[in-house]
C-alpha atoms as a PDB file:
ATOM      1  CA  MET A   1       0.000   0.000   0.000  1.00  0.00           C
ATOM      2  CA  GLN A   2       1.312   3.423  -0.935  1.00  0.00           C
ATOM      3  CA  PRO A   3       1.667   5.920   1.915  1.00  0.00           C
ATOM      4  CA  SER A   4      -0.943   8.696   2.038  1.00  0.00           C
ATOM      5  CA  SER A   5       0.062  12.101   0.724  1.00  0.00           C
ATOM      6  CA  HIS A   6       0.220  13.658   4.201  1.00  0.00           C
ATOM      7  CA  THR A   7       2.540  11.062   5.698  1.00  0.00           C
ATOM      8  CA  VAL A   8       5.962  12.462   6.593  1.00  0.00           C
ATOM      9  CA  HIS A   9       8.946  10.091   6.453  1.00  0.00           C
ATOM     10  CA  THR A  10      12.296  11.042   7.930  1.00  0.00           C
ATOM     11  CA  ASN A  11      15.708   9.487   8.371  1.00  0.00           C
ATOM     12  CA  ALA A  12      19.064  10.618   9.675  1.00  0.00           C
ATOM     13  CA  THR A  13      19.813  12.740   6.608  1.00  0.00           C
ATOM     14  CA  GLN A  14      16.391  14.290   6.012  1.00  0.00           C
ATOM     15  CA  THR A  15      14.472  17.054   7.695  1.00  0.00           C
ATOM     16  CA  ALA A  16      10.698  16.798   7.879  1.00  0.00           C
ATOM     17  CA  PRO A  17       9.004  19.438   5.703  1.00  0.00           C
ATOM     18  CA  THR A  18       7.172  22.253   7.444  1.00  0.00           C
ATOM     19  CA  LEU A  19       3.451  21.542   7.634  1.00  0.00           C
ATOM     20  CA  GLN A  20       1.120  24.231   6.301  1.00  0.00           C
ATOM     21  CA  PRO A  21      -2.246  23.448   7.953  1.00  0.00           C
ATOM     22  CA  LEU A  22      -3.498  27.017   7.430  1.00  0.00           C
ATOM     23  CA  GLN A  23      -2.680  27.260   3.747  1.00  0.00           C
ATOM     24  CA  GLY A  24      -5.551  29.038   2.005  1.00  0.00           C
ATOM     25  CA  ILE A  25      -6.864  30.524   5.271  1.00  0.00           C
ATOM     26  CA  ARG A  26      -7.157  34.311   5.507  1.00  0.00           C
ATOM     27  CA  ILE A  27      -6.622  35.936   8.892  1.00  0.00           C
ATOM     28  CA  LEU A  28      -7.172  39.585   9.747  1.00  0.00           C
ATOM     29  CA  SER A  29      -5.763  40.952  12.994  1.00  0.00           C
ATOM     30  CA  LEU A  30      -6.635  44.129  14.841  1.00  0.00           C
ATOM     31  CA  ALA A  31      -4.419  43.122  17.778  1.00  0.00           C
ATOM     32  CA  LEU A  32      -1.635  45.442  18.927  1.00  0.00           C
ATOM     33  CA  ASN A  33       1.344  45.017  21.283  1.00  0.00           C
ATOM     34  CA  LEU A  34       2.924  41.555  21.574  1.00  0.00           C
ATOM     35  CA  PRO A  35       0.435  38.662  21.933  1.00  0.00           C
ATOM     36  CA  GLY A  36      -1.648  39.363  18.827  1.00  0.00           C
ATOM     37  CA  PRO A  37       1.238  39.974  16.410  1.00  0.00           C
ATOM     38  CA  ALA A  38       3.087  36.948  17.803  1.00  0.00           C
ATOM     39  CA  ALA A  39       0.002  34.782  17.276  1.00  0.00           C
ATOM     40  CA  LEU A  40      -0.441  36.184  13.767  1.00  0.00           C
ATOM     41  CA  LEU A  41       3.170  35.391  12.886  1.00  0.00           C
ATOM     42  CA  ARG A  42       2.688  31.806  14.081  1.00  0.00           C
ATOM     43  CA  CYS A  43      -0.354  31.523  11.827  1.00  0.00           C
ATOM     44  CA  HIS A  44       1.611  32.989   8.921  1.00  0.00           C
ATOM     45  CA  ARG A  45       4.280  30.343   9.439  1.00  0.00           C
ATOM     46  CA  MET A  46       1.532  27.718   9.299  1.00  0.00           C
ATOM     47  CA  GLY A  47       0.644  28.938   5.832  1.00  0.00           C
ATOM     48  CA  ALA A  48      -2.123  31.464   6.501  1.00  0.00           C
ATOM     49  CA  GLN A  49      -2.523  34.625   4.451  1.00  0.00           C
ATOM     50  CA  CYS A  50      -2.244  37.234   7.216  1.00  0.00           C
ATOM     51  CA  SER A  51      -3.182  40.906   7.297  1.00  0.00           C
ATOM     52  CA  LYS A  52      -3.153  43.401  10.123  1.00  0.00           C
ATOM     53  CA  LEU A  53      -5.312  46.520  10.292  1.00  0.00           C
ATOM     54  CA  GLU A  54      -3.656  49.127  12.510  1.00  0.00           C
ATOM     55  CA  PRO A  55      -4.826  52.587  13.618  1.00  0.00           C
ATOM     56  CA  LEU A  56      -3.660  55.466  11.473  1.00  0.00           C
ATOM     57  CA  ALA A  57      -0.045  56.326  12.191  1.00  0.00           C
ATOM     58  CA  THR A  58       1.024  59.877  12.949  1.00  0.00           C
ATOM     59  CA  ALA A  59       4.719  60.610  13.386  1.00  0.00           C
ATOM     60  CA  SER A  60       5.941  57.022  13.217  1.00  0.00           C
ATOM     61  CA  HIS A  61       5.674  54.163  10.761  1.00  0.00           C
ATOM     62  CA  SER A  62       3.127  52.365  12.927  1.00  0.00           C
ATOM     63  CA  ALA A  63       0.603  53.189  15.622  1.00  0.00           C
ATOM     64  CA  ASP A  64       1.272  49.855  17.321  1.00  0.00           C
ATOM     65  CA  PRO A  65       3.010  50.689  20.641  1.00  0.00           C
ATOM     66  CA  MET A  66       5.489  47.875  20.010  1.00  0.00           C
ATOM     67  CA  HIS A  67       6.994  49.828  17.136  1.00  0.00           C
ATOM     68  CA  ALA A  68       7.964  52.542  19.631  1.00  0.00           C
ATOM     69  CA  TYR A  69       9.534  50.405  22.353  1.00  0.00           C
ATOM     70  CA  SER A  70      11.056  47.695  20.155  1.00  0.00           C
ATOM     71  CA  PRO A  71      11.291  48.435  16.423  1.00  0.00           C
ATOM     72  CA  ALA A  72      13.343  45.272  15.875  1.00  0.00           C
ATOM     73  CA  ALA A  73      10.681  43.083  17.483  1.00  0.00           C
ATOM     74  CA  TYR A  74       7.968  44.834  15.475  1.00  0.00           C
ATOM     75  CA  ALA A  75       9.843  44.231  12.232  1.00  0.00           C
ATOM     76  CA  GLN A  76      10.390  40.541  12.929  1.00  0.00           C
ATOM     77  CA  LEU A  77       6.817  39.938  14.062  1.00  0.00           C
ATOM     78  CA  HIS A  78       5.383  41.568  10.942  1.00  0.00           C
ATOM     79  CA  ASP A  79       7.648  39.949   8.382  1.00  0.00           C
ATOM     80  CA  GLY A  80       5.360  38.631   5.641  1.00  0.00           C
ATOM     81  CA  ILE A  81       2.264  40.301   7.132  1.00  0.00           C
ATOM     82  CA  THR A  82       0.191  42.665   4.975  1.00  0.00           C
ATOM     83  CA  LEU A  83      -0.239  45.940   6.866  1.00  0.00           C
ATOM     84  CA  LEU A  84      -3.258  48.212   6.497  1.00  0.00           C
ATOM     85  CA  GLN A  85      -4.257  51.371   8.372  1.00  0.00           C
ATOM     86  CA  ALA A  86      -7.652  52.842   9.202  1.00  0.00           C
ATOM     87  CA  ASN A  87      -9.516  54.741  11.877  1.00  0.00           C
ATOM     88  CA  LEU A  88     -12.210  52.271  12.946  1.00  0.00           C
ATOM     89  CA  LYS A  89     -14.163  55.063  14.646  1.00  0.00           C
ATOM     90  CA  THR A  90     -15.014  56.534  11.231  1.00  0.00           C
ATOM     91  CA  GLU A  91     -17.401  55.362   8.527  1.00  0.00           C
ATOM     92  CA  ALA A  92     -14.524  54.960   6.109  1.00  0.00           C
ATOM     93  CA  GLY A  93     -12.608  52.852   8.589  1.00  0.00           C
ATOM     94  CA  GLN A  94     -15.627  50.650   9.287  1.00  0.00           C
ATOM     95  CA  ALA A  95     -16.222  50.240   5.570  1.00  0.00           C
ATOM     96  CA  LEU A  96     -12.647  49.071   5.021  1.00  0.00           C
ATOM     97  CA  LEU A  97     -12.880  46.719   7.991  1.00  0.00           C
ATOM     98  CA  HIS A  98     -16.050  45.020   6.776  1.00  0.00           C
ATOM     99  CA  GLN A  99     -14.722  44.877   3.243  1.00  0.00           C
ATOM    100  CA  GLN A 100     -11.799  42.902   4.662  1.00  0.00           C
ATOM    101  CA  LEU A 101     -14.012  40.781   6.908  1.00  0.00           C
ATOM    102  CA  ALA A 102     -16.108  39.699   3.932  1.00  0.00           C
ATOM    103  CA  GLN A 103     -13.059  37.832   2.660  1.00  0.00           C
ATOM    104  CA  THR A 104     -11.617  36.766   6.016  1.00  0.00           C
ATOM    105  CA  ASP A 105     -11.771  33.378   7.740  1.00  0.00           C
ATOM    106  CA  VAL A 106     -10.573  34.408  11.220  1.00  0.00           C
ATOM    107  CA  LEU A 107     -10.569  37.794  12.950  1.00  0.00           C
ATOM    108  CA  LEU A 108      -8.001  38.217  15.729  1.00  0.00           C
ATOM    109  CA  THR A 109      -8.458  40.987  18.305  1.00  0.00           C
ATOM    110  CA  SER A 110      -6.888  42.120  21.576  1.00  0.00           C
ATOM    111  CA  PHE A 111      -9.309  44.868  22.592  1.00  0.00           C
ATOM    112  CA  ARG A 112     -11.165  44.738  25.888  1.00  0.00           C
ATOM    113  CA  PRO A 113     -14.867  43.778  25.633  1.00  0.00           C
ATOM    114  CA  SER A 114     -15.976  47.396  26.162  1.00  0.00           C
ATOM    115  CA  ALA A 115     -13.745  48.594  23.319  1.00  0.00           C
ATOM    116  CA  LEU A 116     -15.036  45.866  21.007  1.00  0.00           C
ATOM    117  CA  ALA A 117     -18.582  47.007  21.760  1.00  0.00           C
ATOM    118  CA  LYS A 118     -17.766  50.633  20.936  1.00  0.00           C
ATOM    119  CA  LEU A 119     -16.375  49.524  17.568  1.00  0.00           C
ATOM    120  CA  GLY A 120     -19.406  47.365  16.793  1.00  0.00           C
ATOM    121  CA  LEU A 121     -17.306  44.210  17.033  1.00  0.00           C
ATOM    122  CA  GLU A 122     -19.387  42.176  19.484  1.00  0.00           C
ATOM    123  CA  TRP A 123     -19.491  38.555  18.387  1.00  0.00           C
ATOM    124  CA  ASP A 124     -23.269  38.378  17.930  1.00  0.00           C
ATOM    125  CA  SER A 125     -23.228  41.367  15.605  1.00  0.00           C
ATOM    126  CA  LEU A 126     -20.272  40.085  13.582  1.00  0.00           C
ATOM    127  CA  HIS A 127     -21.737  36.602  13.330  1.00  0.00           C
ATOM    128  CA  THR A 128     -24.964  38.045  11.922  1.00  0.00           C
ATOM    129  CA  GLN A 129     -23.109  40.090   9.319  1.00  0.00           C
ATOM    130  CA  HIS A 130     -20.480  37.445   8.469  1.00  0.00           C
ATOM    131  CA  PRO A 131     -21.901  34.004   9.345  1.00  0.00           C
ATOM    132  CA  GLN A 132     -18.809  32.034   8.333  1.00  0.00           C
ATOM    133  CA  LEU A 133     -16.324  34.356  10.029  1.00  0.00           C
ATOM    134  CA  CYS A 134     -14.497  32.960  13.045  1.00  0.00           C
ATOM    135  CA  MET A 135     -13.095  35.128  15.822  1.00  0.00           C
ATOM    136  CA  VAL A 136     -10.325  34.744  18.400  1.00  0.00           C
ATOM    137  CA  ARG A 137     -10.361  37.377  21.138  1.00  0.00           C
ATOM    138  CA  ILE A 138      -7.322  37.955  23.349  1.00  0.00           C
ATOM    139  CA  PHE A 139      -8.391  39.425  26.685  1.00  0.00           C
ATOM    140  CA  GLY A 140      -6.524  40.169  29.869  1.00  0.00           C
ATOM    141  CA  SER A 141      -8.663  37.491  31.482  1.00  0.00           C
ATOM    142  CA  THR A 142     -11.443  35.190  30.373  1.00  0.00           C
ATOM    143  CA  GLN A 143     -13.181  35.791  33.709  1.00  0.00           C
ATOM    144  CA  PRO A 144     -16.096  38.112  32.821  1.00  0.00           C
ATOM    145  CA  ALA A 145     -15.603  40.300  35.897  1.00  0.00           C
ATOM    146  CA  GLU A 146     -11.930  40.829  35.012  1.00  0.00           C
ATOM    147  CA  ALA A 147     -11.963  40.946  31.201  1.00  0.00           C
ATOM    148  CA  ASP A 148     -12.190  44.754  31.138  1.00  0.00           C
ATOM    149  CA  HIS A 149      -9.485  45.330  33.746  1.00  0.00           C
ATOM    150  CA  ALA A 150      -6.248  47.009  32.653  1.00  0.00           C
ATOM    151  CA  GLY A 151      -3.201  44.776  32.752  1.00  0.00           C
ATOM    152  CA  HIS A 152       0.035  43.728  31.106  1.00  0.00           C
ATOM    153  CA  ASP A 153       2.352  40.737  31.091  1.00  0.00           C
ATOM    154  CA  LEU A 154       3.986  41.747  34.379  1.00  0.00           C
ATOM    155  CA  THR A 155       0.707  42.000  36.271  1.00  0.00           C
ATOM    156  CA  TYR A 156      -0.501  38.646  34.931  1.00  0.00           C
ATOM    157  CA  GLN A 157       2.745  36.950  35.910  1.00  0.00           C
ATOM    158  CA  ALA A 158       2.658  38.532  39.358  1.00  0.00           C
ATOM    159  CA  GLU A 159      -0.931  37.399  39.853  1.00  0.00           C
ATOM    160  CA  ALA A 160       0.047  33.850  38.887  1.00  0.00           C
ATOM    161  CA  GLY A 161       2.965  33.831  41.337  1.00  0.00           C
ATOM    162  CA  LEU A 162       5.702  33.806  38.705  1.00  0.00           C
ATOM    163  CA  THR A 163       7.638  36.848  39.963  1.00  0.00           C
ATOM    164  CA  ASP A 164      10.296  36.610  42.688  1.00  0.00           C
ATOM    165  CA  HIS A 165      12.123  39.010  44.986  1.00  0.00           C
ATOM    166  CA  GLY A 166      11.162  42.151  43.108  1.00  0.00           C
ATOM    167  CA  GLN A 167      12.979  41.024  39.946  1.00  0.00           C
ATOM    168  CA  LEU A 168      11.430  41.499  36.521  1.00  0.00           C
ATOM    169  CA  PRO A 169      10.778  38.197  34.721  1.00  0.00           C
ATOM    170  CA  ALA A 170      13.345  37.007  32.190  1.00  0.00           C
ATOM    171  CA  SER A 171      10.791  37.146  29.377  1.00  0.00           C
ATOM    172  CA  LEU A 172       7.213  38.153  28.597  1.00  0.00           C
ATOM    173  CA  PHE A 173       5.934  34.696  29.413  1.00  0.00           C
ATOM    174  CA  ALA A 174       2.222  35.508  29.680  1.00  0.00           C
ATOM    175  CA  ASP A 175       2.225  37.370  26.362  1.00  0.00           C
ATOM    176  CA  MET A 176       4.143  34.682  24.486  1.00  0.00           C
ATOM    177  CA  THR A 177       2.151  31.819  25.980  1.00  0.00           C
ATOM    178  CA  GLY A 178      -1.027  33.732  25.203  1.00  0.00           C
ATOM    179  CA  ALA A 179       0.172  34.013  21.596  1.00  0.00           C
ATOM    180  CA  VAL A 180       0.651  30.256  21.402  1.00  0.00           C
ATOM    181  CA  MET A 181      -2.806  29.728  22.871  1.00  0.00           C
ATOM    182  CA  ALA A 182      -4.296  32.211  20.405  1.00  0.00           C
ATOM    183  CA  SER A 183      -2.730  30.475  17.406  1.00  0.00           C
ATOM    184  CA  GLU A 184      -4.019  27.186  18.832  1.00  0.00           C
ATOM    185  CA  ALA A 185      -7.455  28.796  19.144  1.00  0.00           C
ATOM    186  CA  VAL A 186      -7.332  29.720  15.445  1.00  0.00           C
ATOM    187  CA  LEU A 187      -6.959  26.043  14.636  1.00  0.00           C
ATOM    188  CA  GLN A 188      -9.767  25.164  17.053  1.00  0.00           C
ATOM    189  CA  VAL A 189     -12.338  27.571  15.612  1.00  0.00           C
ATOM    190  CA  LEU A 190     -11.512  26.505  12.071  1.00  0.00           C
ATOM    191  CA  MET A 191     -11.929  22.838  12.977  1.00  0.00           C
ATOM    192  CA  ALA A 192     -15.275  23.659  14.600  1.00  0.00           C
ATOM    193  CA  ARG A 193     -16.360  25.586  11.493  1.00  0.00           C
ATOM    194  CA  ALA A 194     -15.409  22.647   9.288  1.00  0.00           C
ATOM    195  CA  ARG A 195     -17.890  20.505  11.218  1.00  0.00           C
ATOM    196  CA  SER A 196     -20.720  23.031  11.520  1.00  0.00           C
ATOM    197  CA  THR A 197     -20.139  25.300   8.456  1.00  0.00           C
ATOM    198  CA  ALA A 198     -20.733  28.322  10.749  1.00  0.00           C
ATOM    199  CA  GLY A 199     -18.217  30.628  12.369  1.00  0.00           C
ATOM    200  CA  HIS A 200     -17.133  30.217  15.989  1.00  0.00           C
ATOM    201  CA  CYS A 201     -15.648  32.549  18.610  1.00  0.00           C
ATOM    202  CA  LEU A 202     -13.047  31.603  21.220  1.00  0.00           C
ATOM    203  CA  ASP A 203     -11.525  33.740  23.979  1.00  0.00           C
ATOM    204  CA  ILE A 204      -7.939  33.592  25.275  1.00  0.00           C
ATOM    205  CA  GLY A 205      -6.919  35.190  28.578  1.00  0.00           C
ATOM    206  CA  LEU A 206      -3.370  36.325  29.276  1.00  0.00           C
ATOM    207  CA  ALA A 207      -4.004  35.824  32.985  1.00  0.00           C
ATOM    208  CA  GLN A 208      -4.999  32.236  32.229  1.00  0.00           C
ATOM    209  CA  ALA A 209      -1.861  31.823  30.094  1.00  0.00           C
ATOM    210  CA  ALA A 210       0.261  32.882  33.068  1.00  0.00           C
ATOM    211  CA  GLN A 211      -1.687  30.528  35.336  1.00  0.00           C
ATOM    212  CA  TRP A 212      -0.978  27.667  32.936  1.00  0.00           C
ATOM    213  CA  LEU A 213       2.735  28.449  33.103  1.00  0.00           C
ATOM    214  CA  ALA A 214       2.543  28.603  36.893  1.00  0.00           C
ATOM    215  CA  LEU A 215       1.206  25.061  37.317  1.00  0.00           C
ATOM    216  CA  PRO A 216       4.648  23.474  37.959  1.00  0.00           C
ATOM    217  CA  ARG A 217       5.177  25.983  40.769  1.00  0.00           C
ATOM    218  CA  GLN A 218       1.732  25.229  42.185  1.00  0.00           C
ATOM    219  CA  TRP A 219       2.677  21.561  42.119  1.00  0.00           C
ATOM    220  CA  GLN A 220       5.841  22.624  44.050  1.00  0.00           C
ATOM    221  CA  MET A 221       8.049  21.167  41.349  1.00  0.00           C
ATOM    222  CA  THR A 222      10.007  24.396  40.930  1.00  0.00           C
ATOM    223  CA  THR A 223      10.080  25.565  44.551  1.00  0.00           C
ATOM    224  CA  ALA A 224      13.296  25.188  46.551  1.00  0.00           C
ATOM    225  CA  GLN A 225      12.058  21.856  47.860  1.00  0.00           C
ATOM    226  CA  GLY A 226      11.233  20.538  44.379  1.00  0.00           C
ATOM    227  CA  ASP A 227      13.543  18.351  42.340  1.00  0.00           C
ATOM    228  CA  VAL A 228      13.538  20.836  39.442  1.00  0.00           C
ATOM    229  CA  GLY A 229      13.788  23.779  41.835  1.00  0.00           C
ATOM    230  CA  GLY A 230      17.214  22.982  43.279  1.00  0.00           C
ATOM    231  CA  ALA A 231      16.613  20.090  45.672  1.00  0.00           C
ATOM    232  CA  HIS A 232      18.051  17.583  43.166  1.00  0.00           C
ATOM    233  CA  ALA A 233      21.811  18.044  42.782  1.00  0.00           C
ATOM    234  CA  GLY A 234      21.665  17.002  39.146  1.00  0.00           C
ATOM    235  CA  TYR A 235      19.269  19.795  38.206  1.00  0.00           C
ATOM    236  CA  ARG A 236      20.916  23.052  39.180  1.00  0.00           C
ATOM    237  CA  MET A 237      22.984  26.022  38.118  1.00  0.00           C
ATOM    238  CA  TYR A 238      26.647  25.683  39.169  1.00  0.00           C
ATOM    239  CA  ARG A 239      29.461  28.182  39.344  1.00  0.00           C
ATOM    240  CA  CYS A 240      32.699  27.185  37.612  1.00  0.00           C
ATOM    241  CA  GLN A 241      36.119  28.885  37.547  1.00  0.00           C
ATOM    242  CA  ASP A 242      35.089  31.140  34.684  1.00  0.00           C
ATOM    243  CA  GLY A 243      31.306  31.302  34.714  1.00  0.00           C
ATOM    244  CA  TRP A 244      28.205  29.228  35.210  1.00  0.00           C
ATOM    245  CA  VAL A 245      26.713  26.038  33.788  1.00  0.00           C
ATOM    246  CA  ALA A 246      23.179  24.700  33.748  1.00  0.00           C
ATOM    247  CA  LEU A 247      23.146  21.012  34.647  1.00  0.00           C
ATOM    248  CA  ALA A 248      20.011  18.964  33.906  1.00  0.00           C
ATOM    249  CA  ALA A 249      21.026  15.425  34.878  1.00  0.00           C
ATOM    250  CA  LEU A 250      17.623  14.600  36.329  1.00  0.00           C
ATOM    251  CA  GLU A 251      17.013  10.987  35.273  1.00  0.00           C
ATOM    252  CA  PRO A 252      18.955   8.352  37.264  1.00  0.00           C
ATOM    253  CA  HIS A 253      21.185   7.332  34.334  1.00  0.00           C
ATOM    254  CA  PHE A 254      22.208  10.968  33.725  1.00  0.00           C
ATOM    255  CA  ALA A 255      22.587  11.623  37.457  1.00  0.00           C
ATOM    256  CA  MET A 256      24.795   8.567  37.884  1.00  0.00           C
ATOM    257  CA  ARG A 257      27.074   9.777  35.070  1.00  0.00           C
ATOM    258  CA  ILE A 258      27.641  13.184  36.646  1.00  0.00           C
ATOM    259  CA  CYS A 259      28.284  11.511  39.993  1.00  0.00           C
ATOM    260  CA  GLN A 260      30.875   9.220  38.427  1.00  0.00           C
ATOM    261  CA  ALA A 261      32.481  12.181  36.686  1.00  0.00           C
ATOM    262  CA  VAL A 262      32.951  14.027  39.985  1.00  0.00           C
ATOM    263  CA  GLY A 263      34.238  10.964  41.806  1.00  0.00           C
ATOM    264  CA  LEU A 264      31.106   9.695  43.570  1.00  0.00           C
ATOM    265  CA  THR A 265      31.468   6.140  42.324  1.00  0.00           C
ATOM    266  CA  ASP A 266      29.068   4.728  44.931  1.00  0.00           C
ATOM    267  CA  CYS A 267      26.140   6.966  43.865  1.00  0.00           C
ATOM    268  CA  ASN A 268      23.534   5.232  41.735  1.00  0.00           C
ATOM    269  CA  GLY A 269      21.798   8.440  40.681  1.00  0.00           C
ATOM    270  CA  SER A 270      18.606   7.803  42.623  1.00  0.00           C
ATOM    271  CA  VAL A 271      16.447  10.773  43.565  1.00  0.00           C
ATOM    272  CA  GLN A 272      17.044  10.089  47.244  1.00  0.00           C
ATOM    273  CA  GLN A 273      20.827  10.180  46.870  1.00  0.00           C
ATOM    274  CA  MET A 274      20.794  13.211  44.590  1.00  0.00           C
ATOM    275  CA  ARG A 275      18.941  15.190  47.259  1.00  0.00           C
ATOM    276  CA  THR A 276      21.638  14.665  49.913  1.00  0.00           C
ATOM    277  CA  PRO A 277      23.928  17.527  50.993  1.00  0.00           C
ATOM    278  CA  ALA A 278      26.980  15.350  50.291  1.00  0.00           C
ATOM    279  CA  VAL A 279      26.153  14.974  46.598  1.00  0.00           C
ATOM    280  CA  HIS A 280      25.339  18.678  46.267  1.00  0.00           C
ATOM    281  CA  ALA A 281      28.665  19.568  47.877  1.00  0.00           C
ATOM    282  CA  ALA A 282      30.676  17.142  45.745  1.00  0.00           C
ATOM    283  CA  ILE A 283      29.278  18.488  42.476  1.00  0.00           C
ATOM    284  CA  GLU A 284      29.703  22.108  43.637  1.00  0.00           C
ATOM    285  CA  THR A 285      33.344  21.480  44.527  1.00  0.00           C
ATOM    286  CA  PHE A 286      34.052  19.766  41.213  1.00  0.00           C
ATOM    287  CA  MET A 287      32.472  22.591  39.215  1.00  0.00           C
ATOM    288  CA  GLN A 288      34.351  25.299  41.096  1.00  0.00           C
ATOM    289  CA  ARG A 289      37.697  23.596  40.384  1.00  0.00           C
ATOM    290  CA  HIS A 290      37.305  23.487  36.610  1.00  0.00           C
ATOM    291  CA  ARG A 291      36.799  25.799  33.694  1.00  0.00           C
ATOM    292  CA  ARG A 292      33.642  25.607  31.662  1.00  0.00           C
ATOM    293  CA  SER A 293      35.460  24.190  28.624  1.00  0.00           C
ATOM    294  CA  HIS A 294      36.652  21.232  30.687  1.00  0.00           C
ATOM    295  CA  ILE A 295      33.174  20.620  32.090  1.00  0.00           C
ATOM    296  CA  ALA A 296      31.593  20.906  28.649  1.00  0.00           C
ATOM    297  CA  ALA A 297      34.014  18.347  27.219  1.00  0.00           C
ATOM    298  CA  MET A 298      33.296  16.008  30.129  1.00  0.00           C
ATOM    299  CA  ALA A 299      29.538  16.376  29.657  1.00  0.00           C
ATOM    300  CA  ALA A 300      29.764  15.761  25.912  1.00  0.00           C
ATOM    301  CA  GLN A 301      31.885  12.639  26.397  1.00  0.00           C
ATOM    302  CA  SER A 302      29.513  11.252  29.033  1.00  0.00           C
ATOM    303  CA  ASP A 303      26.288  12.375  27.306  1.00  0.00           C
ATOM    304  CA  ILE A 304      25.210  14.559  30.239  1.00  0.00           C
ATOM    305  CA  PRO A 305      22.642  17.348  29.662  1.00  0.00           C
ATOM    306  CA  LEU A 306      24.588  20.555  30.327  1.00  0.00           C
ATOM    307  CA  HIS A 307      24.727  24.057  28.887  1.00  0.00           C
ATOM    308  CA  LEU A 308      27.321  26.779  29.369  1.00  0.00           C
ATOM    309  CA  ILE A 309      25.929  30.106  30.622  1.00  0.00           C
ATOM    310  CA  ALA A 310      27.859  33.154  29.509  1.00  0.00           C
ATOM    311  CA  ASP A 311      28.085  36.163  31.850  1.00  0.00           C
ATOM    312  CA  HIS A 312      25.430  34.977  34.274  1.00  0.00           C
ATOM    313  CA  PRO A 313      24.361  37.967  36.431  1.00  0.00           C
ATOM    314  CA  GLU A 314      25.375  37.924  40.060  1.00  0.00           C
END
């Protein structure tokens, strides 16, 4: 039997082709800042024909706030995206919007519910005018009482318990996770439309995205007492002579290899042994006595998960 046309075969010398599940799908975004454009770019990379309708620009190239605080990020996120401009509070702007919607499969927004209402973009109204149109709405929260509250990535992460000791997070985790969820929602509404032939609307909350990311902490996996929070000696950051390394020898076979490398020949790599102060101290001492190049060579030879960290902040 011949393989079906969608089957992907790979071997050691081949790379699987990029799937294009959204090929032929037209997506229009009104979403500004990071989550919406990031979701739109993901859809573009899945083959969708993507356009973005921004407010009219004044002094700058774009009225999207991201263009002001990170032009490089704006440029990368909008690579391959068709950009349009209009004032949606005017008749001309509304006419252009609905002209676009008439040939759109999915509308992506990031306005609060009250702002959508002012622009005539409530789902019931849109569904009446464009029955086959789908909609993905990015809100601060999917909780009705909180959907209109002001917020940003930092507040959603703080609410979810992802911020520590007054330090800003290393990345915009709520925004980027929300973007992944929004691109997933695009696939969901299109699959639902394929079954029902009518458009569907799905809401994504950035607060809920942060809460999803926070689950490992809620499970106490990443707290100081958790095995991926520092309690396991094989899963830690270690200082070397000339910098830091990230060691991820969590499974017993990896843990046993790092123990053997540092001279703990009687350690079998069990979770119980890897939690002991003696194993922590032995690995710390070994790391501090060697340069990162030596440790990297040792890890490569022994197939130990390890990454060199350059200029780790104190």
